[in-house]
Amino acid sequence: MRSAIVTLVALGTLALGLSMPAPGNARGDDADASGGGASTGGASAGHVGRLDVALAPAEITVGDRVEARITLVWMGQEPAAEPRFPAWRETWGDAEVLAVGEVDALTDQTARRIYRQTLTLTAFDTGEIRLPRISVAVPLQAETVEITHGGEQRFEVKSVLPAEPGEGGAAPEPLEARDAAPPVPLPAGARFPAAAGGLGALCLLMAWLLRRRLALGGAANTEPAVLEPLAELLQRLRRLDPEAGEPAHTGLSFGLRGFLSRSLAFPALESTTSEIQRRLRQTPVPPAVAQEAVRLLRDCDQVKFAGARVGSAQTSSRLAETGELAHEIDRRLRPPEPVVETAG
């Protein structure tokens, strides 16, 4: 009888222990509900989200484009409104933002809400391009949860120019030391006096002809008239052949830079495209018109430096766009014509 009672007490204690949750398992469940590396500021236990950033490709040359895909995976309660992605400007860290896509919302097979936005980036500085951490705000009924990406993103930009000797870890070959050879006099030769005399006579003849032309007034009004910046650019564009891809884009870039230099009084011919973009912000040119000028210059850079191939139709279209853009800038910069009032 006594052994039966002891057996019943042991079985009851064992059943009670199995029915209570282990402390270690409780902590593990809380860790799983925290969002797995994503920071959820102010979120309660039912708010779980993860923010991912993917870059493709991870290595480009100067001026190429990188696609940045930002994905928010939300596993909590239904948001009160659409999540607020960052308000993108012209740059993200060291990269330039070329295009910002719409935020696409979808639901996967596990009923998770997925919000995705795609950005197009580029960079014109070689080396490692760093992208700072970003956050997405998820508005709920009682609070707003902020999901932050866990790490800094980066991609590599390589130059399209060949490496200098000694770069890339290879030491340059040492030059062999040689003794200087003694100077050797060169014989003048029997033909030198005759050649010198003939050249002198030719110079005298040219001087006489020039003097006679000036005396007869033939040199009057022979200097070409200086064209206005717009007329000079349009004349240069008409001379370009759309069939010649790279030479046509080189001439387009040179002509547009010269027009901006003369019209806005800054050295656009000696400036990079990014420097021209910064200088245009300080001019009376509207931002939309300035952005169009920068886009045309970068399209030309893609053909000149990155070797992008374009057809004659696209080249003709860019030449026409350049002419229309120059007309718009010239119109904006010209003072308004005075209004002449007529007697009624």
Protein backbone atom coordinates (compact mmCIF):
# COMPACT_ATOMS: atom_id res chain seq x y z
CA MET A 1 0.00 0.00 0.00
CA ARG A 2 2.80 2.44 0.89
CA SER A 3 4.70 1.76 -2.38
CA ALA A 4 1.51 2.41 -4.39
CA ILE A 5 1.09 5.83 -2.73
CA VAL A 6 4.73 6.75 -3.49
CA THR A 7 4.26 5.70 -7.12
CA LEU A 8 1.12 7.88 -7.47
CA VAL A 9 2.93 10.94 -6.01
CA ALA A 10 5.88 10.48 -8.42
CA LEU A 11 3.59 10.22 -11.43
CA GLY A 12 1.69 13.38 -10.37
CA THR A 13 4.92 15.36 -9.98
CA LEU A 14 6.13 14.23 -13.41
CA ALA A 15 2.85 15.27 -15.11
CA LEU A 16 2.94 18.70 -13.42
CA GLY A 17 6.52 19.30 -14.63
CA LEU A 18 5.67 18.42 -18.22
CA SER A 19 2.70 20.80 -18.27
CA MET A 20 4.83 23.92 -17.37
CA PRO A 21 6.85 25.69 -20.18
CA ALA A 22 10.61 25.66 -19.86
CA PRO A 23 12.25 29.09 -19.29
CA GLY A 24 14.73 28.54 -22.11
CA ASN A 25 11.95 27.82 -24.63
CA ALA A 26 10.08 30.98 -23.61
CA ARG A 27 13.10 33.11 -24.31
CA GLY A 28 13.59 31.42 -27.67
CA ASP A 29 9.98 32.16 -28.69
CA ASP A 30 10.44 35.82 -27.76
CA ALA A 31 13.63 35.98 -29.81
CA ASP A 32 11.85 34.50 -32.82
CA ALA A 33 9.11 37.11 -32.55
CA SER A 34 11.55 40.03 -32.54
CA GLY A 35 11.87 40.25 -36.35
CA GLY A 36 15.20 38.52 -37.01
CA GLY A 37 17.74 41.35 -37.16
CA ALA A 38 15.35 44.16 -38.16
CA SER A 39 14.92 46.98 -35.66
CA THR A 40 11.24 47.55 -34.79
CA GLY A 41 11.20 50.71 -32.73
CA GLY A 42 8.19 50.79 -30.39
CA ALA A 43 6.70 47.52 -31.74
CA SER A 44 4.75 45.12 -29.52
CA ALA A 45 4.83 41.33 -29.70
CA GLY A 46 2.38 41.20 -32.65
CA HIS A 47 4.45 43.52 -34.88
CA VAL A 48 7.03 41.59 -36.86
CA GLY A 49 8.81 42.96 -39.94
CA ARG A 50 12.02 42.61 -41.92
CA LEU A 51 13.65 45.07 -44.35
CA ASP A 52 15.96 43.72 -47.06
CA VAL A 53 18.11 45.61 -49.62
CA ALA A 54 19.54 43.80 -52.69
CA LEU A 55 21.93 45.37 -55.21
CA ALA A 56 22.57 44.06 -58.73
CA PRO A 57 25.20 44.07 -60.05
CA ALA A 58 27.66 44.48 -57.19
CA GLU A 59 30.45 45.76 -59.48
CA ILE A 60 30.11 48.28 -62.33
CA THR A 61 32.21 50.67 -64.41
CA VAL A 62 31.90 54.45 -64.27
CA GLY A 63 28.43 55.61 -65.31
CA ASP A 64 26.80 52.14 -65.40
CA ARG A 65 23.54 51.56 -63.54
CA VAL A 66 22.80 49.54 -60.40
CA GLU A 67 19.35 48.27 -59.45
CA ALA A 68 18.57 48.52 -55.72
CA ARG A 69 15.55 46.44 -54.67
CA ILE A 70 14.13 47.35 -51.23
CA THR A 71 11.73 44.76 -49.80
CA LEU A 72 9.66 45.07 -46.60
CA VAL A 73 8.23 41.75 -45.33
CA TRP A 74 5.49 42.48 -42.78
CA MET A 75 4.15 39.60 -40.67
CA GLY A 76 2.18 41.59 -38.07
CA GLN A 77 -1.29 43.05 -37.94
CA GLU A 78 -2.67 44.80 -41.01
CA PRO A 79 -1.22 48.33 -41.35
CA ALA A 80 -3.59 51.27 -41.08
CA ALA A 81 -2.04 52.78 -44.23
CA GLU A 82 0.65 52.02 -46.80
CA PRO A 83 4.17 51.86 -45.31
CA ARG A 84 6.19 55.03 -45.84
CA PHE A 85 9.41 54.34 -47.71
CA PRO A 86 12.24 56.94 -47.61
CA ALA A 87 11.65 60.26 -49.40
CA TRP A 88 14.37 59.79 -51.99
CA ARG A 89 16.35 62.78 -53.24
CA GLU A 90 19.10 63.07 -55.88
CA THR A 91 21.63 61.00 -53.90
CA TRP A 92 21.73 58.01 -51.57
CA GLY A 93 25.02 58.16 -49.75
CA ASP A 94 27.80 58.28 -52.37
CA ALA A 95 25.51 57.15 -55.23
CA GLU A 96 23.26 59.23 -57.47
CA VAL A 97 19.57 58.28 -57.74
CA LEU A 98 18.49 58.18 -61.40
CA ALA A 99 14.98 56.73 -61.04
CA VAL A 100 12.59 55.83 -58.20
CA GLY A 101 9.93 53.19 -58.80
CA GLU A 102 6.49 52.88 -57.25
CA VAL A 103 5.93 50.79 -54.11
CA ASP A 104 4.36 47.45 -55.13
CA ALA A 105 2.25 45.58 -52.54
CA LEU A 106 1.56 41.84 -52.67
CA THR A 107 0.80 38.87 -50.41
CA ASP A 108 2.66 35.54 -50.49
CA GLN A 109 1.34 32.03 -49.79
CA THR A 110 1.88 32.41 -46.01
CA ALA A 111 -0.29 35.57 -45.90
CA ARG A 112 2.73 37.81 -45.31
CA ARG A 113 2.44 41.31 -46.74
CA ILE A 114 5.35 42.26 -48.98
CA TYR A 115 6.07 45.83 -50.09
CA ARG A 116 8.78 46.37 -52.70
CA GLN A 117 10.39 49.43 -54.31
CA THR A 118 13.09 49.49 -57.00
CA LEU A 119 15.67 52.28 -57.42
CA THR A 120 18.13 52.89 -60.27
CA LEU A 121 21.52 54.14 -59.04
CA THR A 122 24.81 55.15 -60.63
CA ALA A 123 28.16 56.62 -59.59
CA PHE A 124 30.95 58.47 -61.37
CA ASP A 125 33.61 58.16 -58.65
CA THR A 126 35.73 55.02 -58.70
CA GLY A 127 36.15 52.85 -55.63
CA GLU A 128 33.71 51.58 -53.02
CA ILE A 129 30.31 53.33 -52.96
CA ARG A 130 28.60 53.18 -49.57
CA LEU A 131 24.84 53.34 -49.06
CA PRO A 132 23.69 54.31 -45.53
CA ARG A 133 21.08 52.38 -43.58
CA ILE A 134 17.44 53.20 -44.32
CA SER A 135 14.14 52.84 -42.44
CA VAL A 136 10.52 52.25 -43.45
CA ALA A 137 7.66 53.47 -41.24
CA VAL A 138 4.62 51.17 -40.88
CA PRO A 139 1.56 53.06 -39.54
CA LEU A 140 -0.74 50.98 -37.30
CA GLN A 141 -3.96 51.87 -35.49
CA ALA A 142 -2.28 52.78 -32.19
CA GLU A 143 1.32 53.52 -33.18
CA THR A 144 3.84 53.76 -36.02
CA VAL A 145 6.49 51.04 -36.24
CA GLU A 146 9.85 51.84 -37.83
CA ILE A 147 11.69 48.99 -39.55
CA THR A 148 15.42 49.65 -40.10
CA HIS A 149 17.72 47.70 -42.38
CA GLY A 150 20.42 45.98 -40.38
CA GLY A 151 23.60 46.82 -42.32
CA GLU A 152 25.25 49.27 -44.69
CA GLN A 153 25.11 48.37 -48.40
CA ARG A 154 27.92 49.01 -50.88
CA PHE A 155 28.98 48.34 -54.46
CA GLU A 156 32.24 48.76 -56.38
CA VAL A 157 32.90 51.18 -59.27
CA LYS A 158 35.85 50.52 -61.56
CA SER A 159 37.40 52.94 -64.04
CA VAL A 160 37.03 52.39 -67.78
CA LEU A 161 40.57 53.72 -68.32
CA PRO A 162 43.52 51.29 -68.43
CA ALA A 163 45.52 50.93 -65.23
CA GLU A 164 48.74 52.86 -64.90
CA PRO A 165 52.02 50.89 -64.68
CA GLY A 166 52.57 49.74 -61.12
CA GLU A 167 48.88 49.76 -60.13
CA GLY A 168 47.03 46.70 -58.89
CA GLY A 169 49.83 45.52 -56.64
CA ALA A 170 52.45 45.06 -59.40
CA ALA A 171 55.65 47.03 -58.86
CA PRO A 172 57.00 48.90 -61.89
CA GLU A 173 60.10 47.48 -63.53
CA PRO A 174 63.25 49.40 -62.57
CA LEU A 175 64.90 51.39 -65.33
CA GLU A 176 68.33 50.38 -66.39
CA ALA A 177 70.94 53.05 -65.68
CA ARG A 178 73.01 54.04 -68.71
CA ASP A 179 75.86 56.45 -69.21
CA ALA A 180 75.06 59.55 -71.25
CA ALA A 181 76.51 59.43 -74.75
CA PRO A 182 78.75 62.33 -75.76
CA PRO A 183 77.13 64.91 -78.09
CA VAL A 184 77.72 64.25 -81.78
CA PRO A 185 77.71 67.24 -84.16
CA LEU A 186 75.40 66.85 -87.15
CA PRO A 187 76.74 67.83 -90.58
CA ALA A 188 74.86 70.73 -92.12
CA GLY A 189 75.16 69.20 -95.57
CA ALA A 190 75.52 70.84 -98.95
CA ARG A 191 71.75 71.24 -99.42
CA PHE A 192 71.12 73.32 -96.26
CA PRO A 193 72.16 76.74 -97.69
CA ALA A 194 69.99 76.22 -100.77
CA ALA A 195 67.00 75.11 -98.69
CA ALA A 196 67.38 78.05 -96.29
CA GLY A 197 67.63 80.50 -99.20
CA GLY A 198 64.52 79.09 -100.88
CA LEU A 199 62.54 79.25 -97.62
CA GLY A 200 63.58 82.87 -97.06
CA ALA A 201 62.53 83.81 -100.60
CA LEU A 202 59.15 82.12 -100.08
CA CYS A 203 58.60 84.09 -96.86
CA LEU A 204 59.40 87.36 -98.62
CA LEU A 205 56.96 86.49 -101.41
CA MET A 206 54.16 85.70 -98.92
CA ALA A 207 54.81 88.98 -97.08
CA TRP A 208 54.61 90.94 -100.34
CA LEU A 209 51.35 89.26 -101.35
CA LEU A 210 49.81 89.93 -97.92
CA ARG A 211 50.85 93.60 -98.04
CA ARG A 212 49.39 94.00 -101.50
CA ARG A 213 46.09 92.43 -100.43
CA LEU A 214 45.85 94.77 -97.49
CA ALA A 215 46.61 97.74 -99.73
CA LEU A 216 43.83 96.79 -102.13
CA GLY A 217 41.34 96.48 -99.29
CA GLY A 218 40.86 92.78 -99.77
CA ALA A 219 41.22 92.14 -96.07
CA ALA A 220 38.33 94.38 -95.13
CA ASN A 221 35.49 92.64 -93.32
CA THR A 222 37.11 89.21 -93.67
CA GLU A 223 36.77 88.24 -90.02
CA PRO A 224 33.79 86.00 -89.45
CA ALA A 225 31.02 87.47 -87.36
CA VAL A 226 30.77 86.09 -83.82
CA LEU A 227 27.54 84.09 -83.57
CA GLU A 228 25.21 84.14 -80.63
CA PRO A 229 25.50 81.08 -78.32
CA LEU A 230 22.22 79.59 -79.59
CA ALA A 231 23.06 80.15 -83.27
CA GLU A 232 26.53 78.69 -82.77
CA LEU A 233 25.11 75.53 -81.13
CA LEU A 234 22.46 75.03 -83.82
CA GLN A 235 25.08 75.44 -86.56
CA ARG A 236 27.27 72.83 -84.86
CA LEU A 237 24.36 70.38 -84.46
CA ARG A 238 23.50 70.66 -88.19
CA ARG A 239 27.04 69.57 -89.09
CA LEU A 240 26.85 66.35 -87.03
CA ASP A 241 26.09 63.07 -88.79
CA PRO A 242 23.59 60.87 -86.87
CA GLU A 243 25.09 57.79 -88.54
CA ALA A 244 28.39 58.41 -86.68
CA GLY A 245 27.48 57.35 -83.15
CA GLU A 246 30.52 58.22 -81.00
CA PRO A 247 31.73 61.29 -83.00
CA ALA A 248 28.19 62.67 -83.09
CA HIS A 249 27.79 62.33 -79.30
CA THR A 250 31.23 63.87 -78.75
CA GLY A 251 30.27 66.87 -80.90
CA LEU A 252 26.86 67.11 -79.16
CA SER A 253 28.49 67.14 -75.70
CA PHE A 254 31.10 69.72 -76.74
CA GLY A 255 28.48 71.97 -78.37
CA LEU A 256 26.06 71.83 -75.41
CA ARG A 257 28.87 72.51 -72.91
CA GLY A 258 30.04 75.48 -75.01
CA PHE A 259 26.50 76.84 -75.14
CA LEU A 260 26.12 76.56 -71.34
CA SER A 261 29.55 78.14 -70.84
CA ARG A 262 28.75 81.18 -72.99
CA SER A 263 25.12 81.58 -71.87
CA LEU A 264 25.62 81.09 -68.11
CA ALA A 265 29.22 82.36 -67.71
CA PHE A 266 30.84 79.32 -66.07
CA PRO A 267 33.55 76.96 -67.43
CA ALA A 268 31.30 74.12 -68.57
CA LEU A 269 33.90 72.87 -71.10
CA GLU A 270 36.38 72.16 -68.29
CA SER A 271 33.77 70.77 -65.83
CA THR A 272 32.48 67.26 -65.25
CA THR A 273 28.81 66.44 -65.68
CA SER A 274 28.27 66.35 -61.90
CA GLU A 275 29.96 69.76 -61.53
CA ILE A 276 27.73 71.20 -64.29
CA GLN A 277 24.67 69.83 -62.44
CA ARG A 278 25.71 71.66 -59.26
CA ARG A 279 26.41 74.90 -61.13
CA LEU A 280 23.04 74.81 -62.93
CA ARG A 281 21.27 74.86 -59.55
CA GLN A 282 22.76 78.34 -59.00
CA THR A 283 21.44 79.75 -62.30
CA PRO A 284 17.97 81.00 -63.32
CA VAL A 285 17.48 77.86 -65.44
CA PRO A 286 14.38 75.94 -64.18
CA PRO A 287 15.21 72.65 -62.40
CA ALA A 288 13.34 70.52 -64.97
CA VAL A 289 15.27 72.12 -67.86
CA ALA A 290 18.58 71.78 -65.99
CA GLN A 291 17.87 68.09 -65.27
CA GLU A 292 17.19 67.48 -68.98
CA ALA A 293 20.54 69.09 -69.89
CA VAL A 294 22.35 66.88 -67.36
CA ARG A 295 20.59 63.78 -68.74
CA LEU A 296 21.74 64.56 -72.29
CA LEU A 297 25.33 65.09 -71.11
CA ARG A 298 25.30 61.78 -69.21
CA ASP A 299 23.90 59.96 -72.26
CA CYS A 300 26.86 61.36 -74.21
CA ASP A 301 29.25 60.22 -71.44
CA GLN A 302 27.85 56.70 -71.72
CA VAL A 303 28.73 56.62 -75.44
CA LYS A 304 32.11 58.39 -75.12
CA PHE A 305 33.52 56.65 -72.04
CA ALA A 306 31.49 53.46 -71.45
CA GLY A 307 31.23 52.47 -75.14
CA ALA A 308 27.42 52.33 -75.24
CA ARG A 309 26.05 51.72 -78.73
CA VAL A 310 23.17 53.77 -80.14
CA GLY A 311 21.47 53.82 -83.50
CA SER A 312 21.09 56.69 -85.90
CA ALA A 313 17.43 57.20 -84.92
CA GLN A 314 18.30 57.65 -81.25
CA THR A 315 21.21 59.94 -82.17
CA SER A 316 18.91 62.10 -84.31
CA SER A 317 16.42 62.27 -81.46
CA ARG A 318 19.10 63.45 -79.03
CA LEU A 319 20.28 66.11 -81.49
CA ALA A 320 16.72 67.40 -81.82
CA GLU A 321 16.24 67.37 -78.03
CA THR A 322 19.44 69.38 -77.61
CA GLY A 323 18.21 72.05 -80.03
CA GLU A 324 14.84 72.34 -78.27
CA LEU A 325 16.56 72.47 -74.87
CA ALA A 326 18.89 75.28 -76.05
CA HIS A 327 15.90 77.25 -77.38
CA GLU A 328 14.19 76.94 -73.98
CA ILE A 329 17.29 78.04 -72.02
CA ASP A 330 17.86 80.97 -74.39
CA ARG A 331 14.23 82.03 -74.01
CA ARG A 332 14.47 81.89 -70.22
CA LEU A 333 17.66 83.97 -70.14
CA ARG A 334 16.58 86.72 -72.54
CA PRO A 335 15.02 89.80 -70.91
CA PRO A 336 11.34 90.34 -71.71
CA GLU A 337 10.66 92.59 -74.64
CA PRO A 338 9.23 95.98 -73.66
CA VAL A 339 5.54 96.41 -74.27
CA VAL A 340 4.81 99.34 -76.57
CA GLU A 341 1.51 100.99 -75.75
CA THR A 342 -0.39 102.41 -78.71
CA ALA A 343 -2.71 105.34 -78.45
CA GLY A 344 -6.33 104.26 -78.73
